Amino acid sequence: MRFLLDTNILSEPLRPRPNQAIVRMLQQNEGEIATATVVFHELLFGCYRLPIGSNKRLIIETYLQSEIKQKFPYFYMILLLLSGLQSKGQD
């Protein structure tokens, strides 16, 4: 691991006009990046706060599935389970 990324960097590709230097850095260092579990939870929390079916939520869900689920399938499954339990507890 060479880089420990925070939410602002991992979410950069989701911006309407992402900073291309950051996007290139993410692509070039794909095998050398990591993040804390709280960052993944922040991304999921932000996603699930949006209305179901909204375009922005769909974009974030697609990003999380393509980037996180594909690279960390077990971790992604645990986060989804935890998010589901938390959202049920808030109803």
Protein backbone atom coordinates (compact mmCIF):
# COMPACT_ATOMS: atom_id res chain seq x y z
CA MET A 1 0.00 0.00 0.00
CA ARG A 2 1.31 3.36 -1.00
CA PHE A 3 -1.72 5.64 -0.61
CA LEU A 4 -4.41 5.74 2.07
CA LEU A 5 -7.36 7.55 0.50
CA ASP A 6 -10.12 9.57 2.12
CA THR A 7 -13.71 10.03 0.94
CA ASN A 8 -13.02 13.19 -1.06
CA ILE A 9 -10.49 11.39 -3.28
CA LEU A 10 -12.53 8.19 -3.73
CA SER A 11 -15.62 10.18 -4.63
CA GLU A 12 -13.81 12.48 -7.08
CA PRO A 13 -14.72 10.37 -10.16
CA LEU A 14 -18.40 10.90 -9.28
CA ARG A 15 -18.25 14.69 -9.65
CA PRO A 16 -19.83 16.26 -12.75
CA ARG A 17 -16.34 17.49 -13.77
CA PRO A 18 -13.79 15.39 -11.89
CA ASN A 19 -10.23 16.58 -11.45
CA GLN A 20 -8.40 14.65 -14.17
CA ALA A 21 -5.14 14.61 -12.20
CA ILE A 22 -6.87 12.74 -9.38
CA VAL A 23 -8.59 10.35 -11.78
CA ARG A 24 -5.24 9.59 -13.46
CA MET A 25 -3.60 9.05 -10.07
CA LEU A 26 -6.33 6.59 -9.10
CA GLN A 27 -5.92 4.69 -12.36
CA GLN A 28 -2.13 4.66 -12.31
CA ASN A 29 -1.87 3.51 -8.70
CA GLU A 30 -4.81 1.10 -8.65
CA GLY A 31 -2.85 -1.69 -6.97
CA GLU A 32 -1.30 0.59 -4.37
CA ILE A 33 -4.32 2.30 -2.82
CA ALA A 34 -6.36 1.53 0.26
CA THR A 35 -8.83 3.27 2.50
CA ALA A 36 -10.34 3.00 5.95
CA THR A 37 -13.62 1.21 6.54
CA VAL A 38 -15.21 4.44 7.72
CA VAL A 39 -14.65 5.91 4.24
CA PHE A 40 -16.60 3.08 2.59
CA HIS A 41 -19.36 3.55 5.12
CA GLU A 42 -19.46 7.30 4.41
CA LEU A 43 -19.93 6.56 0.71
CA LEU A 44 -22.71 4.05 1.40
CA PHE A 45 -24.41 6.36 3.89
CA GLY A 46 -24.34 9.22 1.39
CA CYS A 47 -25.73 6.95 -1.29
CA TYR A 48 -28.57 5.54 0.80
CA ARG A 49 -29.65 8.99 1.95
CA LEU A 50 -30.64 9.78 -1.64
CA PRO A 51 -34.12 8.88 -2.91
CA ILE A 52 -34.47 5.42 -4.43
CA GLY A 53 -34.38 5.70 -8.21
CA SER A 54 -32.61 9.06 -8.29
CA ASN A 55 -29.99 9.45 -10.98
CA LYS A 56 -27.29 10.44 -8.50
CA ARG A 57 -27.99 7.39 -6.32
CA LEU A 58 -27.82 5.13 -9.36
CA ILE A 59 -24.45 6.63 -10.34
CA ILE A 60 -23.04 6.14 -6.83
CA GLU A 61 -24.40 2.58 -6.55
CA THR A 62 -22.89 1.71 -9.92
CA TYR A 63 -19.56 3.19 -8.89
CA LEU A 64 -19.55 1.34 -5.57
CA GLN A 65 -20.40 -1.93 -7.27
CA SER A 66 -17.84 -1.57 -10.04
CA GLU A 67 -15.00 -0.31 -7.85
CA ILE A 68 -15.60 -1.69 -4.39
CA LYS A 69 -17.61 -4.87 -4.91
CA GLN A 70 -15.35 -6.04 -7.71
CA LYS A 71 -12.12 -5.43 -5.78
CA PHE A 72 -13.31 -6.25 -2.24
CA PRO A 73 -16.36 -8.57 -2.58
CA TYR A 74 -16.36 -9.87 1.01
CA PHE A 75 -15.85 -6.41 2.46
CA TYR A 76 -18.62 -4.99 0.26
CA MET A 77 -21.06 -7.69 1.42
CA ILE A 78 -20.36 -6.90 5.09
CA LEU A 79 -20.87 -3.17 4.51
CA LEU A 80 -24.19 -3.77 2.79
CA LEU A 81 -25.36 -5.99 5.63
CA LEU A 82 -24.33 -3.40 8.22
CA SER A 83 -25.98 -0.58 6.26
CA GLY A 84 -29.19 -2.57 5.97
CA LEU A 85 -29.26 -3.26 9.69
CA GLN A 86 -28.60 0.38 10.53
CA SER A 87 -31.29 1.69 8.20
CA LYS A 88 -33.85 -0.77 9.64
CA GLY A 89 -33.00 0.36 13.14
CA GLN A 90 -33.71 3.98 12.23
CA ASP A 91 -37.22 3.36 10.87
